[in-house]
PDB file of N, CA and C in Angstrom:
ATOM      1  N   MET A   1     144.732  80.258  96.774  1.00  0.00           N
ATOM      2  CA  MET A   1     144.688  80.167  95.557  1.00  0.00           C
ATOM      3  C   MET A   1     145.584  81.153  94.654  1.00  0.00           C
ATOM      4  N   HIS A   2     145.561  81.187  93.525  1.00  0.00           N
ATOM      5  CA  HIS A   2     146.367  82.077  92.311  1.00  0.00           C
ATOM      6  C   HIS A   2     145.818  81.848  91.413  1.00  0.00           C
ATOM      7  N   ALA A   3     146.077  82.658  90.096  1.00  0.00           N
ATOM      8  CA  ALA A   3     145.748  82.905  88.856  1.00  0.00           C
ATOM      9  C   ALA A   3     146.744  82.321  88.453  1.00  0.00           C
ATOM     10  N   ARG A   4     146.607  81.724  87.092  1.00  0.00           N
ATOM     11  CA  ARG A   4     148.006  81.287  86.019  1.00  0.00           C
ATOM     12  C   ARG A   4     146.990  81.535  84.892  1.00  0.00           C
ATOM     13  N   PHE A   5     147.858  82.419  84.160  1.00  0.00           N
ATOM     14  CA  PHE A   5     147.679  82.535  82.966  1.00  0.00           C
ATOM     15  C   PHE A   5     147.624  81.627  81.743  1.00  0.00           C
ATOM     16  N   ALA A   6     146.806  80.856  80.972  1.00  0.00           N
ATOM     17  CA  ALA A   6     147.711  79.968  79.703  1.00  0.00           C
ATOM     18  C   ALA A   6     146.581  79.924  78.918  1.00  0.00           C
ATOM     19  N   PRO A   7     146.567  79.213  77.757  1.00  0.00           N
ATOM     20  CA  PRO A   7     145.860  79.043  76.728  1.00  0.00           C
ATOM     21  C   PRO A   7     144.918  77.983  76.971  1.00  0.00           C
ATOM     22  N   LEU A   8     143.830  78.108  76.703  1.00  0.00           N
ATOM     23  CA  LEU A   8     142.684  76.749  77.248  1.00  0.00           C
ATOM     24  C   LEU A   8     143.154  75.584  76.175  1.00  0.00           C
ATOM     25  N   PRO A   9     143.498  74.167  77.023  1.00  0.00           N
ATOM     26  CA  PRO A   9     143.708  73.376  76.277  1.00  0.00           C
ATOM     27  C   PRO A   9     142.802  72.917  75.514  1.00  0.00           C
ATOM     28  N   ASP A  10     142.617  71.882  74.105  1.00  0.00           N
ATOM     29  CA  ASP A  10     142.093  71.382  73.163  1.00  0.00           C
ATOM     30  C   ASP A  10     141.009  70.504  74.524  1.00  0.00           C
ATOM     31  N   LYS A  11     140.012  70.249  73.811  1.00  0.00           N
ATOM     32  CA  LYS A  11     139.405  69.376  74.743  1.00  0.00           C
ATOM     33  C   LYS A  11     140.353  67.744  74.716  1.00  0.00           C
ATOM     34  N   ARG A  12     139.952  67.235  75.395  1.00  0.00           N
ATOM     35  CA  ARG A  12     140.816  66.031  74.922  1.00  0.00           C
ATOM     36  C   ARG A  12     140.170  64.773  74.023  1.00  0.00           C
ATOM     37  N   THR A  13     140.635  63.933  73.901  1.00  0.00           N
ATOM     38  CA  THR A  13     139.907  62.720  72.855  1.00  0.00           C
ATOM     39  C   THR A  13     141.046  61.957  73.286  1.00  0.00           C
ATOM     40  N   HIS A  14     140.403  60.448  73.830  1.00  0.00           N
ATOM     41  CA  HIS A  14     141.181  59.648  74.249  1.00  0.00           C
ATOM     42  C   HIS A  14     141.767  59.056  72.525  1.00  0.00           C
ATOM     43  N   HIS A  15     143.036  59.412  72.478  1.00  0.00           N
ATOM     44  CA  HIS A  15     143.184  59.134  70.903  1.00  0.00           C
ATOM     45  C   HIS A  15     143.622  57.368  71.118  1.00  0.00           C
ATOM     46  N   ALA A  16     144.217  57.086  71.991  1.00  0.00           N
ATOM     47  CA  ALA A  16     144.463  55.235  72.078  1.00  0.00           C
ATOM     48  C   ALA A  16     142.919  54.610  71.643  1.00  0.00           C
ATOM     49  N   THR A  17     141.968  55.110  72.215  1.00  0.00           N
ATOM     50  CA  THR A  17     140.643  54.404  71.934  1.00  0.00           C
ATOM     51  C   THR A  17     140.399  54.914  70.538  1.00  0.00           C
ATOM     52  N   TYR A  18     140.398  56.004  70.070  1.00  0.00           N
ATOM     53  CA  TYR A  18     139.928  56.586  68.381  1.00  0.00           C
ATOM     54  C   TYR A  18     141.097  54.976  67.840  1.00  0.00           C
ATOM     55  N   GLU A  19     142.251  55.284  68.408  1.00  0.00           N
ATOM     56  CA  GLU A  19     143.374  54.259  66.931  1.00  0.00           C
ATOM     57  C   GLU A  19     142.410  52.473  67.426  1.00  0.00           C
ATOM     58  N   THR A  20     142.506  52.518  68.314  1.00  0.00           N
ATOM     59  CA  THR A  20     141.831  51.036  68.284  1.00  0.00           C
ATOM     60  C   THR A  20     140.866  51.140  68.026  1.00  0.00           C
ATOM     61  N   ALA A  21     139.474  51.645  67.732  1.00  0.00           N
ATOM     62  CA  ALA A  21     138.261  51.196  67.036  1.00  0.00           C
ATOM     63  C   ALA A  21     138.503  51.265  65.499  1.00  0.00           C
ATOM     64  N   ALA A  22     140.028  52.281  65.581  1.00  0.00           N
ATOM     65  CA  ALA A  22     140.374  52.326  63.936  1.00  0.00           C
ATOM     66  C   ALA A  22     140.695  51.051  63.205  1.00  0.00           C
ATOM     67  N   ALA A  23     141.526  50.912  63.766  1.00  0.00           N
ATOM     68  CA  ALA A  23     142.203  49.224  63.541  1.00  0.00           C
ATOM     69  C   ALA A  23     141.518  48.266  63.452  1.00  0.00           C
ATOM     70  N   LEU A  24     140.592  47.993  64.720  1.00  0.00           N
ATOM     71  CA  LEU A  24     139.270  47.261  64.163  1.00  0.00           C
ATOM     72  C   LEU A  24     138.353  47.355  62.815  1.00  0.00           C
ATOM     73  N   ARG A  25     138.204  48.689  62.356  1.00  0.00           N
ATOM     74  CA  ARG A  25     137.316  49.045  61.650  1.00  0.00           C
ATOM     75  C   ARG A  25     138.057  48.767  60.388  1.00  0.00           C
ATOM     76  N   ASP A  26     139.440  48.706  60.471  1.00  0.00           N
ATOM     77  CA  ASP A  26     140.420  48.584  59.134  1.00  0.00           C
ATOM     78  C   ASP A  26     139.989  46.553  59.121  1.00  0.00           C
ATOM     79  N   ARG A  27     139.881  45.761  59.809  1.00  0.00           N
ATOM     80  CA  ARG A  27     140.465  44.326  59.998  1.00  0.00           C
ATOM     81  C   ARG A  27     138.797  43.801  60.003  1.00  0.00           C
ATOM     82  N   PRO A  28     137.639  44.112  59.831  1.00  0.00           N
ATOM     83  CA  PRO A  28     136.444  43.780  60.186  1.00  0.00           C
ATOM     84  C   PRO A  28     136.284  42.447  60.482  1.00  0.00           C
ATOM     85  N   GLY A  29     135.177  41.826  61.782  1.00  0.00           N
ATOM     86  CA  GLY A  29     135.300  40.670  61.730  1.00  0.00           C
ATOM     87  C   GLY A  29     136.145  39.771  62.719  1.00  0.00           C
ATOM     88  N   GLU A  30     137.299  40.410  62.530  1.00  0.00           N
ATOM     89  CA  GLU A  30     138.352  39.758  63.268  1.00  0.00           C
ATOM     90  C   GLU A  30     138.365  39.644  64.617  1.00  0.00           C
ATOM     91  N   TRP A  31     138.710  38.783  65.487  1.00  0.00           N
ATOM     92  CA  TRP A  31     138.948  39.862  67.273  1.00  0.00           C
ATOM     93  C   TRP A  31     140.083  40.108  67.467  1.00  0.00           C
ATOM     94  N   ALA A  32     140.199  41.205  68.235  1.00  0.00           N
ATOM     95  CA  ALA A  32     141.398  41.819  68.748  1.00  0.00           C
ATOM     96  C   ALA A  32     141.083  41.763  70.271  1.00  0.00           C
ATOM     97  N   HIS A  33     142.501  41.293  71.087  1.00  0.00           N
ATOM     98  CA  HIS A  33     143.135  41.662  72.340  1.00  0.00           C
ATOM     99  C   HIS A  33     142.985  43.429  72.481  1.00  0.00           C
ATOM    100  N   VAL A  34     141.875  44.091  73.283  1.00  0.00           N
ATOM    101  CA  VAL A  34     142.121  45.510  73.322  1.00  0.00           C
ATOM    102  C   VAL A  34     142.199  46.256  74.353  1.00  0.00           C
ATOM    103  N   ASP A  35     142.324  45.384  75.650  1.00  0.00           N
ATOM    104  CA  ASP A  35     142.548  45.630  77.346  1.00  0.00           C
ATOM    105  C   ASP A  35     143.076  44.341  77.928  1.00  0.00           C
ATOM    106  N   THR A  36     143.404  44.960  79.206  1.00  0.00           N
ATOM    107  CA  THR A  36     143.498  44.175  80.172  1.00  0.00           C
ATOM    108  C   THR A  36     143.394  44.905  81.527  1.00  0.00           C
ATOM    109  N   HIS A  37     142.416  44.089  82.451  1.00  0.00           N
ATOM    110  CA  HIS A  37     142.048  44.639  83.937  1.00  0.00           C
ATOM    111  C   HIS A  37     142.070  43.653  85.049  1.00  0.00           C
ATOM    112  N   PRO A  38     142.545  44.332  86.375  1.00  0.00           N
ATOM    113  CA  PRO A  38     142.315  43.304  87.344  1.00  0.00           C
ATOM    114  C   PRO A  38     141.399  42.194  87.687  1.00  0.00           C
ATOM    115  N   ASN A  39     140.382  42.950  87.174  1.00  0.00           N
ATOM    116  CA  ASN A  39     138.757  42.658  87.917  1.00  0.00           C
ATOM    117  C   ASN A  39     137.619  42.439  86.517  1.00  0.00           C
ATOM    118  N   SER A  40     137.153  41.647  86.733  1.00  0.00           N
ATOM    119  CA  SER A  40     135.982  40.918  85.901  1.00  0.00           C
ATOM    120  C   SER A  40     135.019  41.712  85.848  1.00  0.00           C
ATOM    121  N   ASN A  41     134.877  43.150  86.989  1.00  0.00           N
ATOM    122  CA  ASN A  41     134.042  44.001  86.926  1.00  0.00           C
ATOM    123  C   ASN A  41     134.231  44.995  85.896  1.00  0.00           C
ATOM    124  N   ARG A  42     135.532  45.523  85.385  1.00  0.00           N
ATOM    125  CA  ARG A  42     136.547  46.578  85.123  1.00  0.00           C
ATOM    126  C   ARG A  42     136.326  45.946  83.518  1.00  0.00           C
ATOM    127  N   ALA A  43     136.688  44.901  83.334  1.00  0.00           N
ATOM    128  CA  ALA A  43     136.656  44.038  82.375  1.00  0.00           C
ATOM    129  C   ALA A  43     135.258  44.298  81.607  1.00  0.00           C
ATOM    130  N   SER A  44     134.427  43.942  82.484  1.00  0.00           N
ATOM    131  CA  SER A  44     133.054  43.655  81.755  1.00  0.00           C
ATOM    132  C   SER A  44     132.534  45.001  81.057  1.00  0.00           C
ATOM    133  N   ASN A  45     132.703  46.170  82.205  1.00  0.00           N
ATOM    134  CA  ASN A  45     132.457  47.278  82.036  1.00  0.00           C
ATOM    135  C   ASN A  45     132.707  47.604  80.377  1.00  0.00           C
ATOM    136  N   GLN A  46     133.735  47.845  80.295  1.00  0.00           N
ATOM    137  CA  GLN A  46     134.299  48.297  79.429  1.00  0.00           C
ATOM    138  C   GLN A  46     134.443  47.465  78.419  1.00  0.00           C
ATOM    139  N   ALA A  47     133.962  46.200  77.879  1.00  0.00           N
ATOM    140  CA  ALA A  47     133.140  45.455  77.099  1.00  0.00           C
ATOM    141  C   ALA A  47     131.791  45.920  76.471  1.00  0.00           C
ATOM    142  N   HIS A  48     130.899  46.074  77.641  1.00  0.00           N
ATOM    143  CA  HIS A  48     129.349  46.540  77.599  1.00  0.00           C
ATOM    144  C   HIS A  48     129.680  48.010  76.939  1.00  0.00           C
ATOM    145  N   ARG A  49     130.578  48.755  77.263  1.00  0.00           N
ATOM    146  CA  ARG A  49     130.484  50.001  76.930  1.00  0.00           C
ATOM    147  C   ARG A  49     131.088  50.283  75.716  1.00  0.00           C
ATOM    148  N   ILE A  50     131.974  49.274  74.971  1.00  0.00           N
ATOM    149  CA  ILE A  50     132.152  48.948  73.479  1.00  0.00           C
ATOM    150  C   ILE A  50     131.081  48.673  72.560  1.00  0.00           C
ATOM    151  N   ARG A  51     130.094  48.017  73.393  1.00  0.00           N
ATOM    152  CA  ARG A  51     129.599  46.865  72.653  1.00  0.00           C
ATOM    153  C   ARG A  51     128.128  48.278  72.361  1.00  0.00           C
ATOM    154  N   THR A  52     127.657  48.864  73.599  1.00  0.00           N
ATOM    155  CA  THR A  52     126.735  49.942  73.364  1.00  0.00           C
ATOM    156  C   THR A  52     127.045  51.200  72.967  1.00  0.00           C
ATOM    157  N   GLY A  53     128.518  51.285  72.772  1.00  0.00           N
ATOM    158  CA  GLY A  53     128.764  52.876  71.963  1.00  0.00           C
ATOM    159  C   GLY A  53     128.743  53.904  72.982  1.00  0.00           C
ATOM    160  N   LYS A  54     129.009  53.194  74.176  1.00  0.00           N
ATOM    161  CA  LYS A  54     129.012  54.600  75.204  1.00  0.00           C
ATOM    162  C   LYS A  54     130.145  55.138  75.171  1.00  0.00           C
ATOM    163  N   LEU A  55     131.608  54.567  74.714  1.00  0.00           N
ATOM    164  CA  LEU A  55     132.539  54.869  74.429  1.00  0.00           C
ATOM    165  C   LEU A  55     132.193  55.600  73.037  1.00  0.00           C
ATOM    166  N   ALA A  56     132.702  56.685  72.594  1.00  0.00           N
ATOM    167  CA  ALA A  56     132.235  57.663  71.373  1.00  0.00           C
ATOM    168  C   ALA A  56     133.109  56.831  70.329  1.00  0.00           C
ATOM    169  N   ALA A  57     134.446  56.068  70.238  1.00  0.00           N
ATOM    170  CA  ALA A  57     134.996  56.021  69.076  1.00  0.00           C
ATOM    171  C   ALA A  57     134.521  54.613  69.206  1.00  0.00           C
ATOM    172  N   PHE A  58     133.544  53.872  69.271  1.00  0.00           N
ATOM    173  CA  PHE A  58     133.333  53.112  69.107  1.00  0.00           C
ATOM    174  C   PHE A  58     131.287  53.127  68.808  1.00  0.00           C
ATOM    175  N   ARG A  59     131.037  53.934  68.371  1.00  0.00           N
ATOM    176  CA  ARG A  59     129.638  54.454  68.162  1.00  0.00           C
ATOM    177  C   ARG A  59     129.482  54.279  66.342  1.00  0.00           C
ATOM    178  N   PRO A  60     128.282  53.552  66.013  1.00  0.00           N
ATOM    179  CA  PRO A  60     127.279  53.628  66.702  1.00  0.00           C
ATOM    180  C   PRO A  60     127.413  52.325  67.429  1.00  0.00           C
ATOM    181  N   ALA A  61     125.876  52.660  68.295  1.00  0.00           N
ATOM    182  CA  ALA A  61     125.704  50.987  69.143  1.00  0.00           C
ATOM    183  C   ALA A  61     125.494  50.205  68.167  1.00  0.00           C
ATOM    184  N   GLY A  62     126.439  48.778  68.613  1.00  0.00           N
ATOM    185  CA  GLY A  62     125.941  47.483  67.890  1.00  0.00           C
ATOM    186  C   GLY A  62     127.218  47.800  66.655  1.00  0.00           C
ATOM    187  N   ALA A  63     128.061  48.230  66.435  1.00  0.00           N
ATOM    188  CA  ALA A  63     128.932  48.332  65.026  1.00  0.00           C
ATOM    189  C   ALA A  63     129.959  47.224  65.725  1.00  0.00           C
ATOM    190  N   PHE A  64     130.281  47.247  67.408  1.00  0.00           N
ATOM    191  CA  PHE A  64     131.336  46.283  67.355  1.00  0.00           C
ATOM    192  C   PHE A  64     130.783  45.316  68.427  1.00  0.00           C
ATOM    193  N   GLU A  65     131.568  44.499  68.674  1.00  0.00           N
ATOM    194  CA  GLU A  65     130.656  43.033  69.771  1.00  0.00           C
ATOM    195  C   GLU A  65     132.707  42.851  70.416  1.00  0.00           C
ATOM    196  N   ALA A  66     132.365  42.697  71.671  1.00  0.00           N
ATOM    197  CA  ALA A  66     133.288  42.734  72.599  1.00  0.00           C
ATOM    198  C   ALA A  66     132.973  41.734  73.561  1.00  0.00           C
ATOM    199  N   THR A  67     133.723  40.770  74.103  1.00  0.00           N
ATOM    200  CA  THR A  67     133.775  40.135  75.243  1.00  0.00           C
ATOM    201  C   THR A  67     134.922  40.146  76.069  1.00  0.00           C
ATOM    202  N   ILE A  68     135.397  39.303  77.179  1.00  0.00           N
ATOM    203  CA  ILE A  68     136.038  38.866  78.114  1.00  0.00           C
ATOM    204  C   ILE A  68     136.678  37.576  78.188  1.00  0.00           C
ATOM    205  N   ARG A  69     137.708  37.451  78.621  1.00  0.00           N
ATOM    206  CA  ARG A  69     138.130  36.044  78.702  1.00  0.00           C
ATOM    207  C   ARG A  69     139.486  36.349  80.155  1.00  0.00           C
ATOM    208  N   THR A  70     139.291  35.313  80.612  1.00  0.00           N
ATOM    209  CA  THR A  70     140.295  35.043  81.652  1.00  0.00           C
ATOM    210  C   THR A  70     141.769  34.731  81.219  1.00  0.00           C
ATOM    211  N   ASP A  71     142.925  35.564  81.724  1.00  0.00           N
ATOM    212  CA  ASP A  71     144.063  34.600  81.167  1.00  0.00           C
ATOM    213  C   ASP A  71     144.964  33.950  82.065  1.00  0.00           C
ATOM    214  N   ASP A  72     145.660  33.351  81.457  1.00  0.00           N
ATOM    215  CA  ASP A  72     146.590  32.169  82.762  1.00  0.00           C
ATOM    216  C   ASP A  72     146.869  33.152  83.924  1.00  0.00           C
ATOM    217  N   ASP A  73     147.210  34.600  84.523  1.00  0.00           N
ATOM    218  CA  ASP A  73     147.699  35.246  84.549  1.00  0.00           C
ATOM    219  C   ASP A  73     146.400  35.632  86.355  1.00  0.00           C
ATOM    220  N   GLU A  74     145.097  35.060  85.518  1.00  0.00           N
ATOM    221  CA  GLU A  74     143.998  35.612  86.076  1.00  0.00           C
ATOM    222  C   GLU A  74     143.667  37.468  85.940  1.00  0.00           C
ATOM    223  N   ALA A  75     144.268  37.533  85.063  1.00  0.00           N
ATOM    224  CA  ALA A  75     143.877  38.822  84.465  1.00  0.00           C
ATOM    225  C   ALA A  75     142.629  38.499  83.629  1.00  0.00           C
ATOM    226  N   ILE A  76     141.961  40.051  83.367  1.00  0.00           N
ATOM    227  CA  ILE A  76     141.100  39.799  82.483  1.00  0.00           C
ATOM    228  C   ILE A  76     140.988  40.295  81.409  1.00  0.00           C
ATOM    229  N   ASP A  77     141.122  39.359  80.296  1.00  0.00           N
ATOM    230  CA  ASP A  77     141.132  40.365  79.062  1.00  0.00           C
ATOM    231  C   ASP A  77     139.666  40.847  78.190  1.00  0.00           C
ATOM    232  N   VAL A  78     139.872  41.557  77.673  1.00  0.00           N
ATOM    233  CA  VAL A  78     138.632  42.480  76.734  1.00  0.00           C
ATOM    234  C   VAL A  78     139.758  42.448  75.189  1.00  0.00           C
ATOM    235  N   TYR A  79     138.123  41.216  74.797  1.00  0.00           N
ATOM    236  CA  TYR A  79     138.491  41.530  73.127  1.00  0.00           C
ATOM    237  C   TYR A  79     137.451  42.072  72.221  1.00  0.00           C
ATOM    238  N   ALA A  80     137.449  42.162  71.040  1.00  0.00           N
ATOM    239  CA  ALA A  80     136.609  43.511  70.388  1.00  0.00           C
ATOM    240  C   ALA A  80     136.639  42.822  69.023  1.00  0.00           C
ATOM    241  N   ARG A  81     135.496  43.270  67.902  1.00  0.00           N
ATOM    242  CA  ARG A  81     135.891  42.866  67.222  1.00  0.00           C
ATOM    243  C   ARG A  81     134.408  44.202  65.937  1.00  0.00           C
ATOM    244  N   TYR A  82     134.874  44.608  65.087  1.00  0.00           N
ATOM    245  CA  TYR A  82     134.245  45.172  64.245  1.00  0.00           C
ATOM    246  C   TYR A  82     133.110  44.412  63.253  1.00  0.00           C
ATOM    247  N   VAL A  83     131.898  44.699  63.677  1.00  0.00           N
ATOM    248  CA  VAL A  83     131.068  43.654  62.906  1.00  0.00           C
ATOM    249  C   VAL A  83     130.169  44.762  62.209  1.00  0.00           C
ATOM    250  N   GLY A  84     130.261  46.083  61.989  1.00  0.00           N
ATOM    251  CA  GLY A  84     129.597  47.085  60.820  1.00  0.00           C
ATOM    252  C   GLY A  84     128.401  47.844  61.593  1.00  0.00           C
ATOM    253  N   ALA A  85     128.142  48.410  61.406  1.00  0.00           N
ATOM    254  CA  ALA A  85     126.622  49.094  61.524  1.00  0.00           C
ATOM    255  C   ALA A  85     125.835  48.521  61.269  1.00  0.00           C
ATOM    256  N   THR A  86     124.607  48.169  62.218  1.00  0.00           N
ATOM    257  CA  THR A  86     123.363  47.796  61.837  1.00  0.00           C
ATOM    258  C   THR A  86     122.517  48.694  60.881  1.00  0.00           C
ATOM    259  N   ALA A  87     121.928  48.295  59.595  1.00  0.00           N
ATOM    260  CA  ALA A  87     120.909  49.264  59.273  1.00  0.00           C
ATOM    261  C   ALA A  87     119.812  49.198  60.174  1.00  0.00           C
ATOM    262  N   THR A  88     119.041  50.258  59.877  1.00  0.00           N
ATOM    263  CA  THR A  88     117.847  50.562  60.494  1.00  0.00           C
ATOM    264  C   THR A  88     116.936  51.036  59.574  1.00  0.00           C
ATOM    265  N   PRO A  89     115.256  50.200  59.771  1.00  0.00           N
ATOM    266  CA  PRO A  89     114.251  50.415  58.834  1.00  0.00           C
ATOM    267  C   PRO A  89     113.879  51.350  58.535  1.00  0.00           C
TER     268      PRO A  89
END
């Protein structure tokens, strides 16, 4: 064991995720390819996390739609679009 003194790093935010969400907000209603996964489980999970706002960058829940498609190489692509926050009564 050792002690290495260093400044505490900033809390990590996934800048790429926030940049992706911002790009989608800039072009509402347009589908965009956002990621590729080797299997449908991982792709479906990511699409679900986008739709439900589990990924903080994609909040509030329901503001984004996301779906998956298989490409020619059998990889699974994730597509998303910004549809706007839904108003609550």
